[in-house]
Structure formats: C-alpha cells, structure tokens
Amino acid sequence: MGESAMIAAMQSTPSERQGSIDALAVAAGLLAFALHAVFAGRYDIFRDELYFIACGWHPAFGYADQPPVVPLLAAAFYGLGHSVWMLRLPTSLAPGVLAWLAVRFARLLGGGGVAASLAALSVTIAPMLMGMEATLNTTAFDPLAWTAIAWCLVRGLRNGDLRALLAAGVIAGIDFEIKYALVLWGAGLVVGLALTAERTLLTRRQLWWGVALAAGIGAPSVAWQALHGFPFLELAHAARAKNTDIPAPAFVLNQVLVMSPLLAPVWISGLVAPFHMESLRPVRFLSIAFLASTALVLATHGKDYYLAACFPVMFIVGAVGLAHALDGSLGRTILATGAVGALAFSAAVSPLALPVLPVPALRSYVQALPVQPQQQERSFHGTVLPQVFADQLGWRDFAAQVRDAWRRIPASERGRTAIKADNYGEAAAVEVYGRQDGLPPPLSGHNQYFLWGLRGQDPVNLLVIQDHPEALAPFCRETQVLGVTHSPDAMRYENGKAIAFCRGLKVDLRALWPRLKNYN
C-alpha cells in the first residue's frame, strides 16, 4: 500500500477503514505466503523433516522429543508426491496467516493503515521469523499461535468477546500438540496478567473453560509422555549441555541482529508504548509477558529462536505505538524511510533465512560475511553453511553411500543384517530415501528410534555408521569398512564416518539395547 493510500485509510470513516484494512490484511497475507512458497522447493529435505516423516509413518499420540502434530503433517504432505514444496506447504501458509492477523490485531488496538502496514511488514521480513518458517518444523507455527492467543485475550478484554477466550484455549491446546514451548508464552502471559489491572481476566469463567479445553487437547500427548517415562524431560535436561552458553548481553544483542536492527524500534516501542500511551495501557500485560518469557529463556540457557515467537506481538503493539507517536507528514516520512531500510536489510540477509541462492553462491556469500552467524550448538562448529541449510544438502548422498555399502554385503548375509545409525538424522535419511532401495528399517539409540527398539529384527550382523570403527571390536567377530560418508556441504560431523560391516555379533543386541539409549 502506498503512502497516500495509508493516509486515506487513516482519514476514512470507521466502516470504510474496516474495509480497507481487510483488503490490506488479505494482500499482506498473500505476499507473505508468496515469499515462502517461491523458495520452499529449493535445496532438499531438512534433517528434522526427514525425522518427522519417519515418525509420522508410525502414528502415535506423542514421540520422545515432540508432540504428534508436525510428524503427522510431515508424513501426510510428503505423501502427496514426495515433493519438498508440498511438504512445506503448511509452513508457507503460516506466515501468510500471521501477516493477515498482524493487520487485524493492529486494527483491534486502534491502529490505522500505517500501523497495520508496519505490523504486517515487520512480522513478514524479520529474518529470524523468515528462517523459522522456511522448513516444516515444530517452531514454525509458534509465531502464529502465540500471536493468535494474545489477540484472543485482547478481544476478550477490549470487546467483551468471551468466546475469544474459548478460542484462545483451543489454539493453545493445538499449539501444545505441536510444540511444548507454549508453556514459555503461557507462563509469561500469566505473569503479565497478574502484575496489571487486567488480572480481572483471570476471574472470567470463559478463560478457565479455555484452559480446560487446552488441557483436554494436550492431554493425549502428556499421557503418552507419562507412559514412556517423560523422555522429553530427559531431552530438555540434555539440551542444556548441548547448547552453547551465551551471556545475557550477547543473547540480547543477537536478538536485535536476527530480528533486524532496523526493526528494533518497532518491537522496543511494543515494550514501552503501553506504559505511556493511554489507548495501549490495557495491553501492558503483553509487554510484561515478553519480558518474563525473555527472563525464562535466559535462565534456562535457551537458544535464540526460543524467544522468537514472542516478537510478532511486540511488533504489532509497537507498530501501533510508533504510528501514533510519528503522526503527521514528517513522522510518516520517517516510518517510510525506516520501512525501506528494513526491507533492504532483510533482503541482504535473506540468504541466511531462506534458500534464495544456489548452493555455490550461498557458500561464497557466507564466507564473505563480516560477522558469522552465532553458533547455537557446540556441534555446529566447523561447518561452512548455516545448519538449517547444511542439513538439507547431504542426506541423499548419505543414503546412497549406505545403500552402496549394503549392496557390498553378500546377499546371503543381508537377511540377517540390520542397519544401525548414529543419530535420528542418519536413521531417518536411510528410512525415507532407502525405502525404494529395499533397505531394512534402520536402528538407532537416538530419541524416538530408541523407543522403537529392534523394530521386529533379530540380526546377527550389523551395518554400522559411526566414527572410530575400531570401537566395534569388542562387539563383532569381524569388522570390515565398506564405505565412508561424505557430502561437501553437509554438517562437518556427518562427514568421514565409517560405514562398517560388523559380521557376527558377540553380544545379544536385545540385551545391549538399553545401553544404546541416547536422549539429546
């Protein structure tokens, strides 16, 4: 929408403004969807997407490291032609709906066309949000879900729409079945409400009915976790050792960078404006919720993206605050200049978020960066490309190398041989890409694969993918290296692993299995 149209929208009557805002919402949603849909089919399937497909092929109420919705979506959409683009269709739609909602939310807070446009732009081009929604993953839906929950709560407060409180509960329950991180935002919202006059919302019967709905929707996954000894809690504990310890100042600075420095005034306005702008005072609880969630992420040494889903709400509130503060021709010029600058910055860094460049160009781009992306896990060190791209580029090579090694095993031995992978990415690559080559279901002690056990197999031999094949000596009568993993742009630690044939197991694999458990 051009500047003149924005001004006209602000000066129109409420009914006319409502119509123009609706048109803006649709346009913003379509543009955000198109941004992701255009690039969704580039590169290949991400490590976690392969794992989700494999999990979805074994439907359950939960899995060791995630609730059931994303695996079921992955298996369903991958089944529609084995297309990377189709696999990612849900996460191409999510940012489109978020942009639409940003416009509607800004309108609910009293913002006009300028505020709504700035809100939609911010949630669409923030680099971290673009990257979160680039693959089908459990975090991709949190920005939309958390924003929708906040929107429903504000509707309940401002419009007396008590049905919105029930809707908030349904959204929360579904999001909990996508990723357990909803607890982070839920805790923040409780703190925000408790510390403001809006605590009266906590006395509304409809809110507690919404909580009951959320609990009911999330109950099957919790029950599954309980029946399996709460493996997710073990995984969460292990993550603290896996994640890089990042000091609080560096964490905050990184948030500014990954959300775009030029968009920082928008979300900072979202923190500040409700405390001095009368019309936004009722949503102070959202600003406090953001701060409480930040404190919780810092206290638990979480990764930078753990907080990312909180930012759309701050962008929306902040857009309304900025548009109010910068009213007038000079103010609109400042906002327009800032928006153009933010677009330019996001375009410049978009290769770090979306697969917009061919791989050779991406490699050159990353190596030329003056500041390298912050490493969130110790195991990422030494890999040239960002992990989200490196883990999309080597898995077909990996599966082909395992297949070639498998075919070197005498045919008479294959029926008594199982394939054991080091981690769920390797196992899922073999499972998804090796099916057509007749490879058996792979085994692994990592996460959900541990719970699947031997998968109906009782092998006397193993084809093992791991470092240091000499470590197999105590378990194998004879070890023969049949191949070595390699793909030029894959994660560094996935290259150079031996694909070794362990002929004649010296141990009962069923008895050994509990020692192979690897929850991380």
Protein backbone atom coordinates (compact mmCIF):
# COMPACT_ATOMS: atom_id res chain seq x y z
CA MET A 1 0.00 0.00 0.00
CA GLY A 2 1.42 3.41 -0.97
CA GLU A 3 1.79 6.32 1.46
CA SER A 4 -1.20 8.21 0.02
CA ALA A 5 -3.41 5.14 0.44
CA MET A 6 -2.23 4.75 4.05
CA ILE A 7 -3.13 8.39 4.76
CA ALA A 8 -6.55 7.93 3.16
CA ALA A 9 -7.16 4.85 5.26
CA MET A 10 -6.40 6.79 8.44
CA GLN A 11 -8.74 9.63 7.44
CA SER A 12 -11.68 7.45 6.33
CA THR A 13 -14.74 6.61 8.36
CA PRO A 14 -14.63 3.56 10.68
CA SER A 15 -16.66 1.39 8.29
CA GLU A 16 -14.58 2.46 5.28
CA ARG A 17 -11.39 1.96 7.28
CA GLN A 18 -12.53 -1.53 8.22
CA GLY A 19 -12.95 -2.41 4.55
CA SER A 20 -9.57 -1.03 3.57
CA ILE A 21 -7.88 -2.81 6.45
CA ASP A 22 -9.48 -6.09 5.38
CA ALA A 23 -8.09 -5.62 1.88
CA LEU A 24 -4.69 -4.84 3.36
CA ALA A 25 -4.86 -7.96 5.52
CA VAL A 26 -5.56 -10.18 2.53
CA ALA A 27 -2.83 -8.53 0.45
CA ALA A 28 -0.29 -8.82 3.27
CA GLY A 29 -1.17 -12.47 3.80
CA LEU A 30 -0.83 -13.34 0.12
CA LEU A 31 2.51 -11.57 -0.17
CA ALA A 32 3.90 -13.32 2.91
CA PHE A 33 2.70 -16.68 1.60
CA ALA A 34 4.25 -16.00 -1.82
CA LEU A 35 7.60 -15.07 -0.25
CA HIS A 36 7.87 -18.54 1.30
CA ALA A 37 6.13 -20.53 -1.42
CA VAL A 38 8.52 -19.29 -4.13
CA PHE A 39 11.55 -20.71 -2.34
CA ALA A 40 10.04 -23.66 -0.46
CA GLY A 41 11.08 -26.28 -3.01
CA ARG A 42 14.75 -25.31 -3.23
CA TYR A 43 17.52 -27.43 -1.71
CA ASP A 44 16.23 -30.63 -0.14
CA ILE A 45 14.56 -32.08 2.92
CA PHE A 46 15.98 -30.90 6.24
CA ARG A 47 17.28 -33.38 8.83
CA ASP A 48 14.36 -32.84 11.20
CA GLU A 49 11.85 -33.01 8.35
CA LEU A 50 13.16 -36.47 7.45
CA TYR A 51 12.80 -37.47 11.09
CA PHE A 52 9.27 -36.08 11.25
CA ILE A 53 8.30 -38.04 8.14
CA ALA A 54 9.67 -41.22 9.68
CA CYS A 55 7.82 -40.55 12.94
CA GLY A 56 4.62 -39.74 11.08
CA TRP A 57 4.80 -43.09 9.34
CA HIS A 58 4.36 -44.54 12.83
CA PRO A 59 1.32 -42.59 14.13
CA ALA A 60 1.18 -42.10 17.89
CA PHE A 61 -0.12 -39.66 20.47
CA GLY A 62 3.43 -38.47 21.05
CA TYR A 63 7.10 -39.06 20.42
CA ALA A 64 10.19 -38.85 22.59
CA ASP A 65 11.11 -35.34 21.53
CA GLN A 66 7.90 -33.74 20.24
CA PRO A 67 4.12 -33.91 20.23
CA PRO A 68 2.37 -35.64 17.31
CA VAL A 69 1.03 -32.90 15.02
CA VAL A 70 4.13 -31.99 12.98
CA PRO A 71 5.17 -35.63 12.33
CA LEU A 72 1.65 -36.43 11.17
CA LEU A 73 1.62 -33.34 8.93
CA ALA A 74 5.03 -34.24 7.53
CA ALA A 75 4.03 -37.78 6.62
CA ALA A 76 0.74 -36.61 5.11
CA PHE A 77 2.12 -33.78 2.97
CA TYR A 78 5.25 -35.69 1.91
CA GLY A 79 2.94 -38.46 0.80
CA LEU A 80 1.40 -36.07 -1.75
CA GLY A 81 4.02 -36.72 -4.39
CA HIS A 82 7.21 -36.78 -2.31
CA SER A 83 7.67 -33.08 -3.09
CA VAL A 84 9.76 -30.77 -0.90
CA TRP A 85 7.45 -27.88 -1.85
CA MET A 86 4.34 -29.81 -0.85
CA LEU A 87 5.98 -30.96 2.38
CA ARG A 88 6.49 -27.31 3.33
CA LEU A 89 3.10 -26.03 2.23
CA PRO A 90 1.81 -25.75 5.84
CA THR A 91 4.75 -23.57 6.82
CA SER A 92 4.35 -21.44 3.72
CA LEU A 93 0.75 -20.79 4.73
CA ALA A 94 1.59 -19.98 8.37
CA PRO A 95 3.44 -16.68 7.68
CA GLY A 96 0.64 -15.65 5.34
CA VAL A 97 -1.94 -16.11 8.08
CA LEU A 98 0.36 -14.34 10.55
CA ALA A 99 0.63 -11.28 8.27
CA TRP A 100 -3.16 -11.24 7.91
CA LEU A 101 -3.55 -11.49 11.68
CA ALA A 102 -0.99 -8.72 12.27
CA VAL A 103 -3.19 -6.33 10.31
CA ARG A 104 -6.33 -7.40 12.16
CA PHE A 105 -4.56 -7.18 15.54
CA ALA A 106 -3.21 -3.70 14.82
CA ARG A 107 -6.75 -2.62 13.92
CA LEU A 108 -8.08 -4.08 17.17
CA LEU A 109 -5.58 -1.90 19.06
CA GLY A 110 -6.82 1.20 17.28
CA GLY A 111 -4.17 1.39 14.59
CA GLY A 112 -4.89 2.70 11.11
CA GLY A 113 -3.42 1.76 7.77
CA VAL A 114 0.09 2.93 8.62
CA ALA A 115 0.21 0.91 11.85
CA ALA A 116 -1.31 -2.17 10.19
CA SER A 117 1.11 -1.99 7.27
CA LEU A 118 4.11 -1.64 9.59
CA ALA A 119 2.91 -4.56 11.71
CA ALA A 120 2.45 -6.84 8.70
CA LEU A 121 5.79 -5.82 7.22
CA SER A 122 7.63 -6.46 10.48
CA VAL A 123 6.26 -9.97 11.07
CA THR A 124 6.92 -10.88 7.44
CA ILE A 125 10.51 -9.69 6.93
CA ALA A 126 12.11 -10.18 10.36
CA PRO A 127 14.99 -12.51 9.37
CA MET A 128 14.61 -14.91 12.30
CA LEU A 129 10.89 -15.33 11.63
CA MET A 130 11.56 -15.95 7.93
CA GLY A 131 14.07 -18.65 8.85
CA MET A 132 11.80 -20.33 11.39
CA GLU A 133 9.11 -20.72 8.74
CA ALA A 134 11.42 -21.92 5.96
CA THR A 135 11.06 -25.62 6.80
CA LEU A 136 8.36 -27.81 8.30
CA ASN A 137 9.39 -27.83 11.94
CA THR A 138 7.81 -27.64 15.39
CA THR A 139 8.68 -23.95 15.88
CA ALA A 140 7.23 -22.73 12.59
CA PHE A 141 3.69 -22.41 13.92
CA ASP A 142 4.50 -20.78 17.27
CA PRO A 143 4.65 -17.17 15.98
CA LEU A 144 1.17 -17.52 14.55
CA ALA A 145 -0.27 -19.44 17.50
CA TRP A 146 1.21 -17.21 20.21
CA THR A 147 0.05 -14.09 18.38
CA ALA A 148 -3.43 -15.57 17.92
CA ILE A 149 -3.64 -16.38 21.65
CA ALA A 150 -2.68 -12.79 22.53
CA TRP A 151 -5.22 -11.48 20.01
CA CYS A 152 -7.97 -13.58 21.56
CA LEU A 153 -7.10 -12.37 25.07
CA VAL A 154 -7.17 -8.74 23.95
CA ARG A 155 -10.52 -9.29 22.23
CA GLY A 156 -11.83 -10.71 25.47
CA LEU A 157 -10.61 -7.65 27.35
CA ARG A 158 -11.48 -4.85 24.94
CA ASN A 159 -14.59 -6.09 23.18
CA GLY A 160 -16.03 -8.32 25.86
CA ASP A 161 -15.82 -11.17 23.36
CA LEU A 162 -15.81 -14.02 25.82
CA ARG A 163 -15.94 -16.60 23.03
CA ALA A 164 -12.46 -15.42 22.13
CA LEU A 165 -11.24 -16.77 25.46
CA LEU A 166 -12.53 -20.19 24.50
CA ALA A 167 -10.82 -19.83 21.12
CA ALA A 168 -7.56 -18.96 22.90
CA GLY A 169 -7.82 -22.26 24.75
CA VAL A 170 -8.38 -24.25 21.56
CA ILE A 171 -5.42 -22.55 19.85
CA ALA A 172 -3.24 -23.15 22.90
CA GLY A 173 -4.18 -26.83 23.01
CA ILE A 174 -3.41 -27.35 19.33
CA ASP A 175 -0.13 -25.45 19.64
CA PHE A 176 0.83 -27.57 22.65
CA GLU A 177 0.34 -30.62 20.45
CA ILE A 178 2.79 -29.01 18.01
CA LYS A 179 5.50 -27.91 20.44
CA TYR A 180 5.70 -27.91 24.22
CA ALA A 181 7.32 -24.45 24.17
CA LEU A 182 3.83 -23.00 24.52
CA VAL A 183 4.47 -23.28 28.27
CA LEU A 184 7.02 -20.44 27.92
CA TRP A 185 4.48 -18.00 26.47
CA GLY A 186 1.75 -19.22 28.80
CA ALA A 187 3.92 -18.54 31.84
CA GLY A 188 4.77 -15.08 30.51
CA LEU A 189 1.10 -14.23 29.95
CA VAL A 190 0.18 -15.33 33.48
CA VAL A 191 2.90 -13.08 34.92
CA GLY A 192 1.80 -10.20 32.71
CA LEU A 193 -1.84 -10.50 33.73
CA ALA A 194 -1.02 -10.95 37.41
CA LEU A 195 1.05 -7.75 37.50
CA THR A 196 -1.51 -5.49 35.79
CA ALA A 197 -5.10 -4.42 36.25
CA GLU A 198 -6.02 -6.88 33.52
CA ARG A 199 -5.71 -9.61 36.15
CA THR A 200 -9.50 -9.46 36.23
CA LEU A 201 -9.34 -11.62 33.12
CA LEU A 202 -8.17 -14.42 35.40
CA THR A 203 -11.56 -14.35 37.11
CA ARG A 204 -13.51 -14.89 33.89
CA ARG A 205 -15.24 -18.25 33.76
CA GLN A 206 -14.71 -18.44 30.00
CA LEU A 207 -10.95 -18.13 30.43
CA TRP A 208 -10.86 -21.18 32.65
CA TRP A 209 -13.10 -23.06 30.24
CA GLY A 210 -10.49 -22.17 27.63
CA VAL A 211 -7.76 -23.51 29.91
CA ALA A 212 -9.77 -26.71 30.32
CA LEU A 213 -10.09 -27.03 26.54
CA ALA A 214 -6.34 -26.55 26.13
CA ALA A 215 -5.66 -29.17 28.79
CA GLY A 216 -8.04 -31.60 27.16
CA ILE A 217 -6.49 -31.18 23.72
CA GLY A 218 -2.98 -31.53 25.13
CA ALA A 219 -3.79 -34.45 27.44
CA PRO A 220 -3.08 -37.30 24.97
CA SER A 221 0.48 -36.13 24.43
CA VAL A 222 1.08 -35.69 28.17
CA ALA A 223 -0.36 -39.16 28.79
CA TRP A 224 1.96 -40.62 26.15
CA GLN A 225 4.94 -38.93 27.79
CA ALA A 226 3.90 -40.27 31.20
CA LEU A 227 3.52 -43.83 29.88
CA HIS A 228 7.04 -43.65 28.43
CA GLY A 229 8.76 -42.11 31.44
CA PHE A 230 8.68 -38.49 30.23
CA PRO A 231 11.53 -38.76 27.73
CA PHE A 232 11.01 -35.12 26.76
CA LEU A 233 12.17 -34.00 30.21
CA GLU A 234 15.35 -36.04 29.79
CA LEU A 235 15.87 -34.40 26.42
CA ALA A 236 15.33 -30.92 27.85
CA HIS A 237 17.92 -31.59 30.52
CA ALA A 238 20.38 -32.88 27.92
CA ALA A 239 19.83 -29.78 25.77
CA ARG A 240 21.38 -27.58 28.45
CA ALA A 241 24.67 -29.42 28.00
CA LYS A 242 24.38 -29.42 24.20
CA ASN A 243 23.58 -25.74 23.76
CA THR A 244 26.30 -23.12 23.71
CA ASP A 245 26.29 -20.94 26.83
CA ILE A 246 25.62 -17.39 25.63
CA PRO A 247 25.93 -14.46 28.09
CA ALA A 248 22.80 -12.36 28.51
CA PRO A 249 24.20 -9.22 26.78
CA ALA A 250 25.30 -11.29 23.77
CA PHE A 251 21.92 -13.02 23.70
CA VAL A 252 20.05 -9.70 23.66
CA LEU A 253 22.37 -8.24 21.01
CA ASN A 254 21.81 -11.33 18.89
CA GLN A 255 18.04 -10.84 19.18
CA VAL A 256 18.46 -7.33 17.79
CA LEU A 257 20.50 -8.67 14.89
CA VAL A 258 18.37 -11.69 13.97
CA MET A 259 15.15 -9.67 14.14
CA SER A 260 16.83 -6.86 12.11
CA PRO A 261 18.36 -3.80 13.79
CA LEU A 262 16.13 -1.62 11.64
CA LEU A 263 13.04 -3.28 13.08
CA ALA A 264 14.28 -2.93 16.67
CA PRO A 265 12.48 0.43 17.15
CA VAL A 266 9.21 -1.33 16.38
CA TRP A 267 9.43 -4.09 18.97
CA ILE A 268 11.07 -1.78 21.53
CA SER A 269 8.09 0.52 21.04
CA GLY A 270 5.93 -2.52 21.78
CA LEU A 271 7.66 -2.83 25.14
CA VAL A 272 7.46 0.87 26.00
CA ALA A 273 4.33 2.34 24.38
CA PRO A 274 1.76 0.58 26.60
CA PHE A 275 3.26 2.33 29.62
CA HIS A 276 2.80 5.87 28.31
CA MET A 277 0.12 5.65 25.60
CA GLU A 278 -3.33 5.63 27.20
CA SER A 279 -5.07 3.60 24.49
CA LEU A 280 -2.47 0.83 24.82
CA ARG A 281 -2.46 0.63 28.62
CA PRO A 282 -4.78 -2.40 28.62
CA VAL A 283 -2.12 -4.43 26.77
CA ARG A 284 0.72 -3.72 29.17
CA PHE A 285 0.40 -7.34 30.19
CA LEU A 286 1.74 -8.34 26.75
CA SER A 287 4.90 -6.28 27.22
CA ILE A 288 5.44 -7.79 30.67
CA ALA A 289 4.78 -11.26 29.23
CA PHE A 290 7.54 -10.67 26.69
CA LEU A 291 9.99 -9.63 29.42
CA ALA A 292 9.04 -12.58 31.62
CA SER A 293 9.49 -15.00 28.71
CA THR A 294 12.89 -13.46 27.95
CA ALA A 295 13.98 -13.93 31.55
CA LEU A 296 12.87 -17.56 31.46
CA VAL A 297 14.81 -18.27 28.24
CA LEU A 298 17.93 -16.65 29.70
CA ALA A 299 17.58 -18.58 32.96
CA THR A 300 17.33 -21.90 31.13
CA HIS A 301 20.13 -21.15 28.61
CA GLY A 302 17.74 -21.49 25.68
CA LYS A 303 18.59 -20.94 22.03
CA ASP A 304 17.88 -17.63 20.34
CA TYR A 305 14.85 -18.92 18.45
CA TYR A 306 13.11 -19.98 21.68
CA LEU A 307 12.05 -16.35 22.15
CA ALA A 308 11.31 -15.57 18.52
CA ALA A 309 7.61 -16.42 18.64
CA CYS A 310 7.07 -13.63 21.21
CA PHE A 311 8.24 -10.92 18.80
CA PRO A 312 5.22 -10.68 16.46
CA VAL A 313 3.06 -9.45 19.34
CA MET A 314 5.66 -6.79 20.19
CA PHE A 315 5.90 -5.80 16.53
CA ILE A 316 2.13 -5.33 16.35
CA VAL A 317 1.82 -3.35 19.58
CA GLY A 318 4.92 -1.36 18.67
CA ALA A 319 3.64 -0.55 15.18
CA VAL A 320 0.52 1.00 16.71
CA GLY A 321 2.63 2.95 19.18
CA LEU A 322 5.05 4.24 16.56
CA ALA A 323 2.32 5.21 14.13
CA HIS A 324 0.68 7.22 16.91
CA ALA A 325 3.94 8.86 18.01
CA LEU A 326 5.03 9.69 14.46
CA ASP A 327 1.73 11.02 13.20
CA GLY A 328 1.95 13.74 10.58
CA SER A 329 3.84 14.08 7.32
CA LEU A 330 7.31 14.12 8.92
CA GLY A 331 6.52 11.09 11.01
CA ARG A 332 5.18 9.17 8.04
CA THR A 333 8.34 10.04 6.11
CA ILE A 334 10.46 8.66 8.97
CA LEU A 335 8.39 5.47 9.07
CA ALA A 336 8.54 5.04 5.28
CA THR A 337 12.31 5.54 5.29
CA GLY A 338 12.71 3.04 8.10
CA ALA A 339 10.50 0.51 6.30
CA VAL A 340 12.55 0.80 3.11
CA GLY A 341 15.75 0.37 5.12
CA ALA A 342 14.33 -2.67 6.92
CA LEU A 343 13.29 -4.21 3.60
CA ALA A 344 16.80 -3.65 2.23
CA PHE A 345 18.43 -5.19 5.31
CA SER A 346 16.16 -8.24 5.25
CA ALA A 347 16.78 -8.71 1.53
CA ALA A 348 20.53 -8.54 2.14
CA VAL A 349 20.47 -11.19 4.89
CA SER A 350 17.66 -13.31 3.42
CA PRO A 351 20.12 -15.97 2.15
CA LEU A 352 20.70 -16.84 5.82
CA ALA A 353 16.97 -17.39 6.36
CA LEU A 354 15.52 -18.67 3.08
CA PRO A 355 17.02 -20.77 0.27
CA VAL A 356 17.23 -17.86 -2.16
CA LEU A 357 20.73 -18.58 -3.56
CA PRO A 358 22.19 -21.54 -5.43
CA VAL A 359 24.44 -23.54 -3.11
CA PRO A 360 27.79 -22.35 -4.58
CA ALA A 361 26.63 -18.73 -4.30
CA LEU A 362 25.41 -19.35 -0.75
CA ARG A 363 28.81 -20.77 0.20
CA SER A 364 30.57 -17.68 -1.16
CA TYR A 365 28.02 -15.40 0.50
CA VAL A 366 28.54 -16.97 3.95
CA GLN A 367 32.32 -16.89 3.68
CA ALA A 368 32.21 -13.20 2.71
CA LEU A 369 30.09 -12.16 5.71
CA PRO A 370 31.89 -9.80 8.08
CA VAL A 371 30.09 -11.42 11.04
CA GLN A 372 29.39 -15.13 11.11
CA PRO A 373 26.02 -16.45 12.36
CA GLN A 374 26.04 -17.21 16.09
CA GLN A 375 26.62 -20.93 16.76
CA GLN A 376 23.79 -22.24 18.95
CA GLU A 377 25.21 -25.75 19.46
CA ARG A 378 28.77 -26.88 20.02
CA SER A 379 28.50 -29.49 17.27
CA PHE A 380 27.90 -26.81 14.61
CA HIS A 381 31.46 -25.50 14.76
CA GLY A 382 33.49 -26.04 11.60
CA THR A 383 30.53 -26.18 9.20
CA VAL A 384 30.64 -23.52 6.46
CA LEU A 385 26.92 -23.17 5.78
CA PRO A 386 24.30 -22.39 8.43
CA GLN A 387 22.99 -25.60 9.93
CA VAL A 388 19.48 -25.14 8.52
CA PHE A 389 20.98 -25.35 5.00
CA ALA A 390 23.86 -27.78 5.63
CA ASP A 391 21.32 -30.25 6.98
CA GLN A 392 19.31 -30.05 3.74
CA LEU A 393 22.14 -30.84 1.37
CA GLY A 394 23.84 -34.10 2.27
CA TRP A 395 21.23 -36.68 3.12
CA ARG A 396 20.66 -38.17 -0.32
CA ASP A 397 24.43 -38.64 -0.61
CA PHE A 398 24.45 -40.25 2.82
CA ALA A 399 21.62 -42.65 1.99
CA ALA A 400 23.24 -43.56 -1.33
CA GLN A 401 26.55 -44.33 0.39
CA VAL A 402 24.78 -46.57 2.91
CA ARG A 403 22.92 -48.27 0.05
CA ASP A 404 26.17 -48.91 -1.82
CA ALA A 405 27.75 -50.38 1.31
CA TRP A 406 24.65 -52.54 1.86
CA ARG A 407 24.95 -53.95 -1.63
CA ARG A 408 28.54 -54.97 -0.94
CA ILE A 409 27.30 -57.30 1.79
CA PRO A 410 26.82 -60.82 0.39
CA ALA A 411 23.18 -61.42 -0.46
CA SER A 412 23.13 -64.46 1.80
CA GLU A 413 24.05 -62.25 4.77
CA ARG A 414 21.65 -59.34 4.21
CA GLY A 415 18.58 -61.11 5.58
CA ARG A 416 20.33 -61.42 8.93
CA THR A 417 21.77 -57.89 8.93
CA ALA A 418 20.34 -54.67 10.36
CA ILE A 419 21.46 -51.09 9.77
CA LYS A 420 22.41 -49.06 12.85
CA ALA A 421 22.78 -45.28 12.54
CA ASP A 422 24.40 -42.87 14.96
CA ASN A 423 21.56 -40.32 15.21
CA TYR A 424 17.99 -39.71 14.13
CA GLY A 425 19.01 -37.68 11.08
CA GLU A 426 21.04 -40.54 9.68
CA ALA A 427 18.41 -43.11 10.58
CA ALA A 428 15.62 -41.03 9.02
CA ALA A 429 17.61 -40.45 5.82
CA VAL A 430 18.04 -44.21 5.46
CA GLU A 431 14.38 -44.79 6.27
CA VAL A 432 12.95 -42.17 3.88
CA TYR A 433 15.41 -42.39 0.99
CA GLY A 434 16.35 -46.06 1.42
CA ARG A 435 12.83 -47.44 1.21
CA GLN A 436 12.87 -47.56 -2.56
CA ASP A 437 16.20 -49.41 -2.45
CA GLY A 438 14.85 -52.12 -0.19
CA LEU A 439 16.89 -51.18 2.87
CA PRO A 440 15.52 -52.52 6.16
CA PRO A 441 14.11 -50.13 8.80
CA PRO A 442 17.18 -48.58 10.45
CA LEU A 443 18.00 -48.87 14.12
CA SER A 444 19.36 -46.15 16.39
CA GLY A 445 19.50 -45.40 20.08
CA HIS A 446 18.72 -41.73 19.43
CA ASN A 447 15.44 -40.27 20.72
CA GLN A 448 12.33 -41.90 19.23
CA TYR A 449 14.38 -44.55 17.46
CA PHE A 450 15.45 -45.88 20.85
CA LEU A 451 11.83 -46.41 21.84
CA TRP A 452 11.15 -48.28 18.60
CA GLY A 453 13.82 -50.78 19.59
CA LEU A 454 14.83 -53.52 17.14
CA ARG A 455 11.72 -52.97 15.01
CA GLY A 456 10.95 -56.67 14.65
CA GLN A 457 14.52 -57.58 13.64
CA ASP A 458 16.81 -60.09 15.32
CA PRO A 459 20.09 -59.53 13.48
CA VAL A 460 23.31 -61.47 13.78
CA ASN A 461 25.17 -58.80 11.78
CA LEU A 462 25.06 -55.01 11.68
CA LEU A 463 25.92 -52.37 9.11
CA VAL A 464 27.04 -49.57 11.43
CA ILE A 465 27.54 -45.88 10.61
CA GLN A 466 29.82 -44.26 13.18
CA ASP A 467 33.18 -42.69 13.88
CA HIS A 468 36.04 -44.91 15.04
CA PRO A 469 35.05 -48.30 13.62
CA GLU A 470 37.79 -49.87 15.74
CA ALA A 471 35.47 -49.37 18.72
CA LEU A 472 33.30 -52.15 17.30
CA ALA A 473 35.95 -54.82 18.02
CA PRO A 474 34.52 -55.92 21.41
CA PHE A 475 31.10 -56.47 19.80
CA CYS A 476 31.94 -58.01 16.42
CA ARG A 477 33.79 -61.13 15.35
CA GLU A 478 34.90 -59.36 12.21
CA THR A 479 34.69 -55.71 11.10
CA GLN A 480 35.03 -54.51 7.51
CA VAL A 481 34.76 -50.87 6.44
CA LEU A 482 32.61 -50.76 3.30
CA GLY A 483 32.35 -47.01 2.82
CA VAL A 484 32.84 -43.55 4.26
CA THR A 485 30.24 -40.79 4.45
CA HIS A 486 30.90 -37.57 2.58
CA SER A 487 28.94 -34.68 1.13
CA PRO A 488 30.69 -31.35 0.51
CA ASP A 489 28.15 -29.05 2.14
CA ALA A 490 26.82 -31.31 4.89
CA MET A 491 27.36 -30.75 8.59
CA ARG A 492 31.02 -31.34 9.29
CA TYR A 493 30.44 -34.01 11.92
CA GLU A 494 28.44 -36.10 9.42
CA ASN A 495 31.42 -36.42 7.07
CA GLY A 496 34.12 -39.04 7.40
CA LYS A 497 32.07 -41.60 9.31
CA ALA A 498 32.81 -45.23 8.61
CA ILE A 499 30.10 -47.47 7.16
CA ALA A 500 31.28 -50.71 8.70
CA PHE A 501 30.02 -54.27 8.37
CA CYS A 502 30.00 -55.95 11.76
CA ARG A 503 29.83 -59.68 10.91
CA GLY A 504 28.90 -61.96 13.77
CA LEU A 505 27.71 -60.07 16.81
CA LYS A 506 29.35 -61.25 20.01
CA VAL A 507 26.53 -59.88 22.13
CA ASP A 508 22.76 -60.19 22.24
CA LEU A 509 21.56 -56.91 20.75
CA ARG A 510 18.35 -57.09 22.77
CA ALA A 511 20.34 -57.18 26.00
CA LEU A 512 22.67 -54.43 24.77
CA TRP A 513 19.87 -52.13 23.63
CA PRO A 514 19.27 -50.23 26.93
CA ARG A 515 22.93 -49.12 26.85
CA LEU A 516 22.39 -47.53 23.43
CA LYS A 517 19.83 -45.04 24.73
CA ASN A 518 20.75 -41.51 23.62
CA TYR A 519 18.22 -38.83 24.50
CA ASN A 520 19.51 -35.47 23.30
